[in-house]
Amino acid sequence: MQYAHFLHKDRPLSDVPVSVKISLWLALILQLLWHSFQEPVVATADELAPPLSTRTYVMSSLGEPIAVSKFLNLWLQAFDNQPGASISFHQLDYPRLTQWLDTILELDPEGHYPMLVAARVYGSVHNREKQKIMMDYIFYKFNEDPNRYWRWLAHAVITAKHELKDNELALKYAHALAESATGPNVPYWAKDMKIIVLEDMGEVEAAKILVGALIESGEISDPYELNFLARKIAILEEKMIEKRQSVEK
């Protein structure tokens, strides 16, 4: 017991040799001096590398493509926050970003998450050029499968019109919706966005002609859509009268 007590007894600081104390102080001073002469560490974000082939991801996931697609979704969205570095979305390489979104969609063709982040995350940056890259990407994917991706192109119409202030681009997207998204799951408001864009562009007469043609075609049987179009014609006629009167004055 006495031996055990001796092992646990702390030695006083005065028992430490002077040479050891001096060595410790010198080591501390040298370490502080070394740090003072170092360049400050600047956190930098790694460049977004291109994705591997879809086959590689499938093989690495042991045949679980949906699982790896969900992992890549999370990894990609967290890429802007790396250890010691934080970058904004508009600093990312957007053409490279679309490659990742494509790869994730190939791994999970039924998923919509890549389209969601394209429209509402990467497509919401305050950078016209990069917003347009995302909207054009959505348009490209829409053309591959209009009845699956119609809702994202409808979002692109709104972004082009209200954020990019590009009515011609909005009309291009809206026209594609009207012409290609013809499935029963596509609501009439999406198909009729072209009318709204034309009206907002001041093309009231063109919008009225389009509405009239839709009604006369007999292709529309939904009473709610027919009612919407009838009311829209009345509104457009009223605007045409107001426009004519303002010209005559």
Foldseek 3Di string as FASTA:
>chain_A
DVVVVVVPDDDDPVVDDPVVVVVVVVVVVVVVVVVVPDDDDADDADADDADDALVVQCVVVVNQLLVVLVVLLVCVVCSQPDVRHHDALVPHDLVSVLRSLVSSCVSPVLDCSSLVCLLPPQLPDLDLVSVVSSLVSLVVVCVVPVQRSLVSLLSSLVCCCPPVVNLVVSLVSLCCNLPPNDDPVDDVCSNLVNLVSCVVVVVLVVSLVVLVCVVVVPPDDPPVNVVVSVVSNVVSVVVVVVVVVVVVD
